[in-house]
Amino acid sequence: GNTCLESGSYLMNYLGCANCHQRDFVLISNKATEDDDGEEIVTYDHVCKNCDHVIARHEYTFSVVDEYQVRYLYTCCFDHN
């Protein structure tokens, strides 16, 4: 898709937590921002609101040159167990 949320979560394809099987809102934890030679790297986890199971780990990077975003990369790893 073409959507990136700075906060919150997009639950349309989320069936529920693989650990407790509840389908509820997920929380953001372990959020960190790092600047690497003009490129901003943001990492965070989505965790189950009910049992704290890590549902997904996210990372996105982007570069800004002259106030324009010139490169964007998003990676997401889901726990399918």
N, C-alpha and C. Protein backbone atom coordinates (compact mmCIF):
# COMPACT_ATOMS: atom_id res chain seq x y z
N GLY A 1 0.80 -1.19 0.00
CA GLY A 1 0.00 0.00 0.00
C GLY A 1 0.84 1.25 0.00
N ASN A 2 0.17 2.35 0.07
CA ASN A 2 0.84 3.64 0.03
C ASN A 2 0.65 4.42 1.32
N THR A 3 0.33 3.75 2.42
CA THR A 3 0.05 4.43 3.66
C THR A 3 1.11 4.11 4.70
N CYS A 4 1.62 5.14 5.35
CA CYS A 4 2.52 4.96 6.48
C CYS A 4 1.98 5.80 7.62
N LEU A 5 1.73 5.19 8.74
CA LEU A 5 1.20 5.92 9.89
C LEU A 5 2.34 6.25 10.84
N GLU A 6 2.44 7.51 11.22
CA GLU A 6 3.47 7.92 12.17
C GLU A 6 3.19 7.34 13.55
N SER A 7 1.91 7.15 13.87
CA SER A 7 1.53 6.52 15.12
C SER A 7 0.25 5.74 14.89
N GLY A 8 -0.06 4.85 15.81
CA GLY A 8 -1.26 4.04 15.65
C GLY A 8 -0.99 2.80 14.81
N SER A 9 -2.05 2.21 14.30
CA SER A 9 -1.89 1.00 13.51
C SER A 9 -3.06 0.87 12.53
N TYR A 10 -2.81 0.14 11.47
CA TYR A 10 -3.79 -0.10 10.43
C TYR A 10 -4.20 -1.57 10.55
N LEU A 11 -5.38 -1.83 11.07
CA LEU A 11 -5.78 -3.18 11.47
C LEU A 11 -6.62 -3.94 10.45
N MET A 12 -6.75 -3.45 9.24
CA MET A 12 -7.62 -4.10 8.27
C MET A 12 -7.25 -5.57 8.04
N ASN A 13 -5.96 -5.88 7.93
CA ASN A 13 -5.52 -7.25 7.65
C ASN A 13 -5.06 -7.99 8.90
N TYR A 14 -5.28 -7.42 10.06
CA TYR A 14 -4.83 -8.01 11.31
C TYR A 14 -5.92 -8.93 11.86
N LEU A 15 -5.62 -10.22 11.96
CA LEU A 15 -6.61 -11.19 12.45
C LEU A 15 -6.61 -11.31 13.97
N GLY A 16 -5.49 -11.01 14.58
CA GLY A 16 -5.38 -11.10 16.03
C GLY A 16 -4.00 -11.53 16.45
N CYS A 17 -3.76 -11.46 17.73
CA CYS A 17 -2.47 -11.85 18.29
C CYS A 17 -2.27 -13.35 18.15
N ALA A 18 -1.08 -13.74 17.70
CA ALA A 18 -0.77 -15.16 17.54
C ALA A 18 -0.62 -15.86 18.90
N ASN A 19 -0.40 -15.09 19.96
CA ASN A 19 -0.21 -15.67 21.28
C ASN A 19 -1.53 -15.85 22.03
N CYS A 20 -2.33 -14.77 22.16
CA CYS A 20 -3.56 -14.86 22.96
C CYS A 20 -4.83 -14.87 22.10
N HIS A 21 -4.67 -14.70 20.80
CA HIS A 21 -5.76 -14.77 19.82
C HIS A 21 -6.81 -13.67 19.97
N GLN A 22 -6.48 -12.61 20.70
CA GLN A 22 -7.39 -11.47 20.83
C GLN A 22 -7.17 -10.52 19.66
N ARG A 23 -8.24 -9.93 19.15
CA ARG A 23 -8.12 -8.91 18.12
C ARG A 23 -8.49 -7.59 18.76
N ASP A 24 -7.47 -6.83 19.13
CA ASP A 24 -7.65 -5.57 19.83
C ASP A 24 -6.62 -4.59 19.27
N PHE A 25 -6.65 -3.37 19.73
CA PHE A 25 -5.65 -2.41 19.31
C PHE A 25 -4.27 -2.88 19.73
N VAL A 26 -3.27 -2.49 18.95
CA VAL A 26 -1.90 -2.83 19.29
C VAL A 26 -1.20 -1.57 19.78
N LEU A 27 -0.19 -1.76 20.61
CA LEU A 27 0.56 -0.66 21.18
C LEU A 27 1.93 -0.55 20.54
N ILE A 28 2.49 0.64 20.55
CA ILE A 28 3.84 0.86 20.05
C ILE A 28 4.80 0.83 21.24
N SER A 29 5.88 0.08 21.10
CA SER A 29 6.91 0.05 22.15
C SER A 29 8.29 0.06 21.50
N ASN A 30 9.29 0.33 22.31
CA ASN A 30 10.69 0.32 21.87
C ASN A 30 10.95 1.25 20.69
N LYS A 31 10.25 2.38 20.62
CA LYS A 31 10.44 3.29 19.50
C LYS A 31 11.76 4.04 19.67
N ALA A 32 12.55 4.06 18.59
CA ALA A 32 13.84 4.74 18.61
C ALA A 32 14.05 5.45 17.28
N THR A 33 14.69 6.60 17.34
CA THR A 33 15.02 7.36 16.15
C THR A 33 16.52 7.61 16.14
N GLU A 34 17.12 7.38 14.98
CA GLU A 34 18.57 7.53 14.84
C GLU A 34 18.84 8.33 13.57
N ASP A 35 19.82 9.21 13.61
CA ASP A 35 20.23 9.97 12.43
C ASP A 35 21.57 9.42 11.97
N ASP A 36 21.59 8.91 10.75
CA ASP A 36 22.80 8.30 10.20
C ASP A 36 23.19 9.03 8.92
N ASP A 37 24.07 10.01 9.05
CA ASP A 37 24.59 10.76 7.91
C ASP A 37 23.48 11.36 7.04
N GLY A 38 22.52 12.05 7.69
CA GLY A 38 21.44 12.71 6.97
C GLY A 38 20.24 11.84 6.68
N GLU A 39 20.31 10.59 7.07
CA GLU A 39 19.19 9.66 6.86
C GLU A 39 18.60 9.33 8.23
N GLU A 40 17.30 9.54 8.40
CA GLU A 40 16.65 9.24 9.66
C GLU A 40 16.14 7.81 9.65
N ILE A 41 16.45 7.06 10.70
CA ILE A 41 16.04 5.66 10.83
C ILE A 41 15.15 5.56 12.07
N VAL A 42 13.92 5.09 11.88
CA VAL A 42 12.97 4.93 12.98
C VAL A 42 12.63 3.46 13.10
N THR A 43 12.74 2.92 14.32
CA THR A 43 12.37 1.52 14.58
C THR A 43 11.38 1.48 15.74
N TYR A 44 10.47 0.52 15.68
CA TYR A 44 9.53 0.32 16.78
C TYR A 44 8.87 -1.03 16.65
N ASP A 45 8.26 -1.49 17.74
CA ASP A 45 7.53 -2.75 17.76
C ASP A 45 6.05 -2.47 17.95
N HIS A 46 5.22 -3.31 17.37
CA HIS A 46 3.79 -3.34 17.70
C HIS A 46 3.61 -4.53 18.64
N VAL A 47 3.02 -4.28 19.80
CA VAL A 47 2.80 -5.34 20.77
C VAL A 47 1.32 -5.47 21.10
N CYS A 48 0.90 -6.66 21.46
CA CYS A 48 -0.48 -6.93 21.82
C CYS A 48 -0.83 -6.17 23.10
N LYS A 49 -1.94 -5.50 23.09
CA LYS A 49 -2.43 -4.74 24.24
C LYS A 49 -2.75 -5.66 25.42
N ASN A 50 -3.12 -6.91 25.14
CA ASN A 50 -3.57 -7.83 26.18
C ASN A 50 -2.47 -8.67 26.81
N CYS A 51 -1.49 -9.10 26.01
CA CYS A 51 -0.48 -10.03 26.55
C CYS A 51 0.97 -9.59 26.31
N ASP A 52 1.19 -8.43 25.69
CA ASP A 52 2.52 -7.87 25.43
C ASP A 52 3.35 -8.67 24.42
N HIS A 53 2.73 -9.56 23.68
CA HIS A 53 3.42 -10.31 22.64
C HIS A 53 3.84 -9.36 21.52
N VAL A 54 5.08 -9.47 21.01
CA VAL A 54 5.53 -8.64 19.90
C VAL A 54 4.90 -9.18 18.62
N ILE A 55 4.01 -8.40 18.04
CA ILE A 55 3.29 -8.79 16.83
C ILE A 55 4.11 -8.49 15.58
N ALA A 56 4.79 -7.35 15.56
CA ALA A 56 5.57 -6.96 14.39
C ALA A 56 6.69 -6.01 14.80
N ARG A 57 7.77 -6.06 14.06
CA ARG A 57 8.89 -5.12 14.23
C ARG A 57 8.95 -4.28 12.96
N HIS A 58 9.03 -2.97 13.14
CA HIS A 58 9.00 -2.04 12.01
C HIS A 58 10.27 -1.22 11.96
N GLU A 59 10.67 -0.88 10.74
CA GLU A 59 11.77 0.05 10.53
C GLU A 59 11.48 0.86 9.29
N TYR A 60 11.64 2.16 9.39
CA TYR A 60 11.58 2.96 8.18
C TYR A 60 12.68 4.00 8.19
N THR A 61 13.18 4.28 7.00
CA THR A 61 14.23 5.26 6.84
C THR A 61 13.80 6.25 5.77
N PHE A 62 14.22 7.49 5.94
CA PHE A 62 13.99 8.46 4.88
C PHE A 62 15.05 9.55 4.93
N SER A 63 15.25 10.17 3.79
CA SER A 63 16.20 11.25 3.63
C SER A 63 15.46 12.50 3.20
N VAL A 64 15.92 13.65 3.69
CA VAL A 64 15.34 14.93 3.31
C VAL A 64 16.47 15.81 2.78
N VAL A 65 16.25 16.33 1.56
CA VAL A 65 17.21 17.25 0.95
C VAL A 65 16.45 18.49 0.54
N ASP A 66 16.90 19.65 1.01
CA ASP A 66 16.24 20.92 0.69
C ASP A 66 14.74 20.89 0.99
N GLU A 67 14.37 20.33 2.16
CA GLU A 67 12.99 20.26 2.65
C GLU A 67 12.09 19.32 1.84
N TYR A 68 12.65 18.47 1.00
CA TYR A 68 11.87 17.49 0.23
C TYR A 68 12.31 16.09 0.62
N GLN A 69 11.34 15.23 0.86
CA GLN A 69 11.66 13.83 1.15
C GLN A 69 12.08 13.19 -0.16
N VAL A 70 13.29 12.67 -0.22
CA VAL A 70 13.80 12.13 -1.48
C VAL A 70 13.88 10.61 -1.52
N ARG A 71 13.90 9.98 -0.36
CA ARG A 71 13.98 8.51 -0.36
C ARG A 71 13.27 7.99 0.87
N TYR A 72 12.52 6.93 0.67
CA TYR A 72 11.77 6.35 1.78
C TYR A 72 11.80 4.84 1.65
N LEU A 73 12.10 4.14 2.75
CA LEU A 73 12.14 2.67 2.76
C LEU A 73 11.45 2.19 4.03
N TYR A 74 10.54 1.24 3.88
CA TYR A 74 9.79 0.73 5.04
C TYR A 74 9.93 -0.79 5.06
N THR A 75 10.23 -1.33 6.24
CA THR A 75 10.34 -2.78 6.43
C THR A 75 9.50 -3.19 7.63
N CYS A 76 8.77 -4.29 7.49
CA CYS A 76 7.95 -4.78 8.58
C CYS A 76 8.05 -6.30 8.63
N CYS A 77 8.38 -6.84 9.80
CA CYS A 77 8.46 -8.28 9.99
C CYS A 77 7.39 -8.72 10.98
N PHE A 78 6.48 -9.58 10.53
CA PHE A 78 5.38 -10.05 11.37
C PHE A 78 5.73 -11.38 12.03
N ASP A 79 5.16 -11.61 13.20
CA ASP A 79 5.25 -12.90 13.87
C ASP A 79 4.03 -13.71 13.43
N HIS A 80 4.26 -14.79 12.71
CA HIS A 80 3.16 -15.63 12.21
C HIS A 80 2.88 -16.83 13.10
N ASN A 81 3.57 -16.94 14.23
CA ASN A 81 3.37 -18.09 15.12
C ASN A 81 2.15 -17.93 15.96
